[in-house]
Structures are given as C-alpha cells and as structure tokens.
Amino acid sequence: MDRMIYQELRFHVQSEVLSILPGQLGDDLVNSIMRHVVSALSAEQLSKHRIDCELANFDRRSSKPLPAWAITGTPLNVNPVR
C-alpha cells in the first residue's frame, strides 16, 4: 500500500470513528485500527513474496518434495506437477 492510499484510508476511518467516538479515545482507536490494517497487509505481502520466491526457485526433479502450493486437492501420492 503506497502512502497516498494509506492516508486516504486513514482519513476515511478517522472521520467515521471520530463521528461516533470523538476525542482522545477515538484517536487511540483509529491508531490501533490502522496498526492492525498495516500489519495484516504486511503479512499478506510477505506471504505473497515467499510464495513467489518458492515458485521462482521451484525444482522439478522427482527426488525433491513438492511445495505445499503445488498440491491441489489431489491425493498425496499423486504428483500433479510432474
């Protein structure tokens, strides 16, 4: 998430929360919400990056075990990629 999108999201969340709960308590709630949002987005980006790296470094040799993303609802003894 880039800075402008974050600022727009924060502004909208802040305006909604402060209309219901004005004052310092509302500000604290907005800060907490935005921390959780950024944390969740960061975890999602890290997960996506890890999966992309696994895909880029995927080794198709039969002696190597399959990564979890390569097994799609098939029995474990069937190899859907090879």
N, C-alpha and C. Protein backbone atom coordinates (compact mmCIF):
# COMPACT_ATOMS: atom_id res chain seq x y z
N MET A 1 0.85 -1.16 0.00
CA MET A 1 0.00 0.00 0.00
C MET A 1 0.90 1.23 0.00
N ASP A 2 0.69 2.09 -0.96
CA ASP A 2 1.53 3.29 -1.00
C ASP A 2 1.00 4.35 -0.04
N ARG A 3 1.77 5.39 0.13
CA ARG A 3 1.49 6.41 1.14
C ARG A 3 0.16 7.13 0.91
N MET A 4 -0.15 7.47 -0.33
CA MET A 4 -1.38 8.21 -0.62
C MET A 4 -2.62 7.37 -0.30
N ILE A 5 -2.59 6.10 -0.67
CA ILE A 5 -3.72 5.22 -0.39
C ILE A 5 -3.88 5.04 1.12
N TYR A 6 -2.76 4.90 1.82
CA TYR A 6 -2.81 4.77 3.28
C TYR A 6 -3.43 6.03 3.91
N GLN A 7 -3.00 7.20 3.46
CA GLN A 7 -3.51 8.44 4.02
C GLN A 7 -5.01 8.60 3.75
N GLU A 8 -5.45 8.22 2.56
CA GLU A 8 -6.87 8.29 2.24
C GLU A 8 -7.68 7.33 3.13
N LEU A 9 -7.17 6.10 3.27
CA LEU A 9 -7.85 5.13 4.12
C LEU A 9 -7.91 5.61 5.56
N ARG A 10 -6.79 6.12 6.06
CA ARG A 10 -6.76 6.62 7.43
C ARG A 10 -7.74 7.79 7.61
N PHE A 11 -7.81 8.68 6.64
CA PHE A 11 -8.73 9.81 6.73
C PHE A 11 -10.18 9.33 6.81
N HIS A 12 -10.53 8.35 5.97
CA HIS A 12 -11.90 7.84 5.98
C HIS A 12 -12.22 7.11 7.29
N VAL A 13 -11.29 6.29 7.75
CA VAL A 13 -11.50 5.58 9.02
C VAL A 13 -11.61 6.58 10.16
N GLN A 14 -10.72 7.56 10.15
CA GLN A 14 -10.71 8.56 11.22
C GLN A 14 -12.02 9.36 11.24
N SER A 15 -12.51 9.76 10.08
CA SER A 15 -13.75 10.54 10.05
C SER A 15 -14.94 9.70 10.54
N GLU A 16 -14.97 8.41 10.19
CA GLU A 16 -16.07 7.55 10.66
C GLU A 16 -15.99 7.32 12.17
N VAL A 17 -14.80 7.02 12.66
CA VAL A 17 -14.65 6.72 14.09
C VAL A 17 -14.90 7.97 14.92
N LEU A 18 -14.32 9.09 14.51
CA LEU A 18 -14.46 10.31 15.31
C LEU A 18 -15.89 10.87 15.28
N SER A 19 -16.67 10.50 14.27
CA SER A 19 -18.07 10.94 14.27
C SER A 19 -18.87 10.20 15.33
N ILE A 20 -18.41 9.00 15.69
CA ILE A 20 -19.10 8.20 16.70
C ILE A 20 -18.46 8.38 18.08
N LEU A 21 -17.14 8.45 18.10
CA LEU A 21 -16.39 8.48 19.36
C LEU A 21 -15.35 9.60 19.31
N PRO A 22 -15.76 10.85 19.56
CA PRO A 22 -14.81 11.98 19.47
C PRO A 22 -13.82 11.99 20.63
N GLY A 23 -12.72 12.68 20.42
CA GLY A 23 -11.75 12.87 21.49
C GLY A 23 -10.57 11.92 21.38
N GLN A 24 -9.81 11.87 22.49
CA GLN A 24 -8.58 11.07 22.53
C GLN A 24 -8.86 9.58 22.37
N LEU A 25 -9.97 9.11 22.92
CA LEU A 25 -10.31 7.69 22.80
C LEU A 25 -10.53 7.31 21.33
N GLY A 26 -11.16 8.19 20.57
CA GLY A 26 -11.35 7.95 19.13
C GLY A 26 -10.03 7.94 18.39
N ASP A 27 -9.13 8.86 18.73
CA ASP A 27 -7.81 8.89 18.10
C ASP A 27 -7.03 7.62 18.39
N ASP A 28 -7.10 7.16 19.64
CA ASP A 28 -6.41 5.92 20.01
C ASP A 28 -6.98 4.73 19.25
N LEU A 29 -8.29 4.71 19.08
CA LEU A 29 -8.93 3.62 18.34
C LEU A 29 -8.51 3.64 16.87
N VAL A 30 -8.45 4.81 16.27
CA VAL A 30 -8.01 4.94 14.87
C VAL A 30 -6.57 4.44 14.73
N ASN A 31 -5.70 4.84 15.65
CA ASN A 31 -4.30 4.39 15.60
C ASN A 31 -4.22 2.87 15.69
N SER A 32 -4.99 2.29 16.59
CA SER A 32 -4.99 0.84 16.76
C SER A 32 -5.50 0.13 15.51
N ILE A 33 -6.58 0.64 14.94
CA ILE A 33 -7.14 0.05 13.72
C ILE A 33 -6.13 0.10 12.58
N MET A 34 -5.51 1.25 12.40
CA MET A 34 -4.56 1.40 11.30
C MET A 34 -3.32 0.53 11.51
N ARG A 35 -2.89 0.35 12.75
CA ARG A 35 -1.77 -0.57 13.02
C ARG A 35 -2.12 -1.99 12.60
N HIS A 36 -3.35 -2.41 12.91
CA HIS A 36 -3.79 -3.76 12.54
C HIS A 36 -3.90 -3.90 11.02
N VAL A 37 -4.39 -2.87 10.37
CA VAL A 37 -4.52 -2.90 8.90
C VAL A 37 -3.14 -3.02 8.26
N VAL A 38 -2.21 -2.19 8.68
CA VAL A 38 -0.86 -2.22 8.11
C VAL A 38 -0.18 -3.56 8.42
N SER A 39 -0.38 -4.07 9.63
CA SER A 39 0.21 -5.36 9.99
C SER A 39 -0.33 -6.48 9.11
N ALA A 40 -1.65 -6.50 8.89
CA ALA A 40 -2.26 -7.53 8.05
C ALA A 40 -1.78 -7.42 6.60
N LEU A 41 -1.71 -6.21 6.08
CA LEU A 41 -1.24 -6.03 4.71
C LEU A 41 0.22 -6.43 4.57
N SER A 42 1.02 -6.12 5.57
CA SER A 42 2.43 -6.50 5.55
C SER A 42 2.59 -8.02 5.58
N ALA A 43 1.83 -8.69 6.42
CA ALA A 43 1.89 -10.15 6.49
C ALA A 43 1.46 -10.77 5.16
N GLU A 44 0.44 -10.20 4.54
CA GLU A 44 -0.02 -10.70 3.24
C GLU A 44 1.05 -10.52 2.17
N GLN A 45 1.71 -9.37 2.16
CA GLN A 45 2.78 -9.11 1.19
C GLN A 45 3.96 -10.06 1.41
N LEU A 46 4.31 -10.30 2.66
CA LEU A 46 5.41 -11.22 2.95
C LEU A 46 5.08 -12.64 2.50
N SER A 47 3.85 -13.06 2.74
CA SER A 47 3.41 -14.38 2.32
C SER A 47 3.45 -14.50 0.80
N LYS A 48 2.95 -13.49 0.11
CA LYS A 48 2.96 -13.49 -1.35
C LYS A 48 4.40 -13.52 -1.88
N HIS A 49 5.28 -12.75 -1.25
CA HIS A 49 6.68 -12.73 -1.68
C HIS A 49 7.33 -14.09 -1.47
N ARG A 50 7.04 -14.73 -0.34
CA ARG A 50 7.61 -16.06 -0.07
C ARG A 50 7.13 -17.07 -1.11
N ILE A 51 5.83 -17.04 -1.43
CA ILE A 51 5.28 -17.96 -2.43
C ILE A 51 5.89 -17.68 -3.81
N ASP A 52 6.05 -16.40 -4.15
CA ASP A 52 6.67 -16.04 -5.43
C ASP A 52 8.11 -16.55 -5.51
N CYS A 53 8.84 -16.45 -4.40
CA CYS A 53 10.22 -16.95 -4.37
C CYS A 53 10.25 -18.47 -4.52
N GLU A 54 9.32 -19.15 -3.84
CA GLU A 54 9.25 -20.61 -3.97
C GLU A 54 8.94 -21.01 -5.41
N LEU A 55 8.05 -20.28 -6.05
CA LEU A 55 7.71 -20.58 -7.43
C LEU A 55 8.89 -20.33 -8.36
N ALA A 56 9.61 -19.24 -8.14
CA ALA A 56 10.76 -18.92 -8.98
C ALA A 56 11.88 -19.94 -8.82
N ASN A 57 12.00 -20.51 -7.63
CA ASN A 57 13.07 -21.47 -7.35
C ASN A 57 12.60 -22.91 -7.37
N PHE A 58 11.43 -23.15 -7.94
CA PHE A 58 10.85 -24.49 -7.95
C PHE A 58 11.73 -25.46 -8.73
N ASP A 59 12.00 -26.59 -8.13
CA ASP A 59 12.84 -27.62 -8.75
C ASP A 59 11.96 -28.81 -9.09
N ARG A 60 11.91 -29.19 -10.36
CA ARG A 60 11.01 -30.25 -10.81
C ARG A 60 11.61 -31.65 -10.72
N ARG A 61 12.78 -31.79 -10.20
CA ARG A 61 13.36 -33.13 -10.09
C ARG A 61 12.51 -34.00 -9.18
N SER A 62 12.35 -35.24 -9.54
CA SER A 62 11.47 -36.14 -8.78
C SER A 62 12.00 -36.46 -7.39
N SER A 63 13.27 -36.23 -7.14
CA SER A 63 13.81 -36.52 -5.82
C SER A 63 13.46 -35.42 -4.81
N LYS A 64 13.03 -34.27 -5.28
CA LYS A 64 12.68 -33.17 -4.40
C LYS A 64 11.21 -33.25 -3.99
N PRO A 65 10.89 -32.97 -2.74
CA PRO A 65 9.47 -32.98 -2.33
C PRO A 65 8.75 -31.77 -2.94
N LEU A 66 7.46 -31.93 -3.15
CA LEU A 66 6.66 -30.84 -3.70
C LEU A 66 6.39 -29.78 -2.65
N PRO A 67 6.40 -28.51 -3.04
CA PRO A 67 5.98 -27.48 -2.09
C PRO A 67 4.47 -27.57 -1.87
N ALA A 68 3.99 -26.98 -0.79
CA ALA A 68 2.57 -27.08 -0.43
C ALA A 68 1.66 -26.48 -1.49
N TRP A 69 2.11 -25.43 -2.18
CA TRP A 69 1.25 -24.79 -3.16
C TRP A 69 1.06 -25.64 -4.41
N ALA A 70 1.92 -26.63 -4.63
CA ALA A 70 1.82 -27.47 -5.82
C ALA A 70 0.83 -28.61 -5.65
N ILE A 71 0.39 -28.87 -4.44
CA ILE A 71 -0.54 -29.96 -4.18
C ILE A 71 -1.93 -29.35 -4.08
N THR A 72 -2.80 -29.67 -5.04
CA THR A 72 -4.11 -29.03 -5.10
C THR A 72 -5.24 -30.05 -4.98
N GLY A 73 -5.54 -30.46 -3.79
CA GLY A 73 -6.69 -31.32 -3.54
C GLY A 73 -6.58 -32.73 -4.09
N THR A 74 -5.42 -33.14 -4.54
CA THR A 74 -5.24 -34.50 -5.04
C THR A 74 -4.65 -35.34 -3.92
N PRO A 75 -4.76 -36.65 -4.02
CA PRO A 75 -4.11 -37.49 -3.01
C PRO A 75 -2.61 -37.21 -2.93
N LEU A 76 -2.04 -37.40 -1.77
CA LEU A 76 -0.64 -37.04 -1.57
C LEU A 76 0.33 -37.88 -2.42
N ASN A 77 -0.06 -39.07 -2.80
CA ASN A 77 0.85 -39.90 -3.59
C ASN A 77 0.82 -39.55 -5.09
N VAL A 78 -0.09 -38.70 -5.50
CA VAL A 78 -0.16 -38.28 -6.91
C VAL A 78 0.52 -36.94 -7.03
N ASN A 79 1.37 -36.80 -8.02
CA ASN A 79 2.12 -35.57 -8.21
C ASN A 79 1.52 -34.80 -9.38
N PRO A 80 0.73 -33.73 -9.14
CA PRO A 80 0.02 -33.04 -10.21
C PRO A 80 0.94 -32.20 -11.10
N VAL A 81 2.15 -31.91 -10.65
CA VAL A 81 3.02 -31.02 -11.42
C VAL A 81 3.85 -31.79 -12.44
N ARG A 82 4.22 -33.01 -12.11
CA ARG A 82 5.12 -33.76 -12.99
C ARG A 82 4.38 -34.62 -13.95
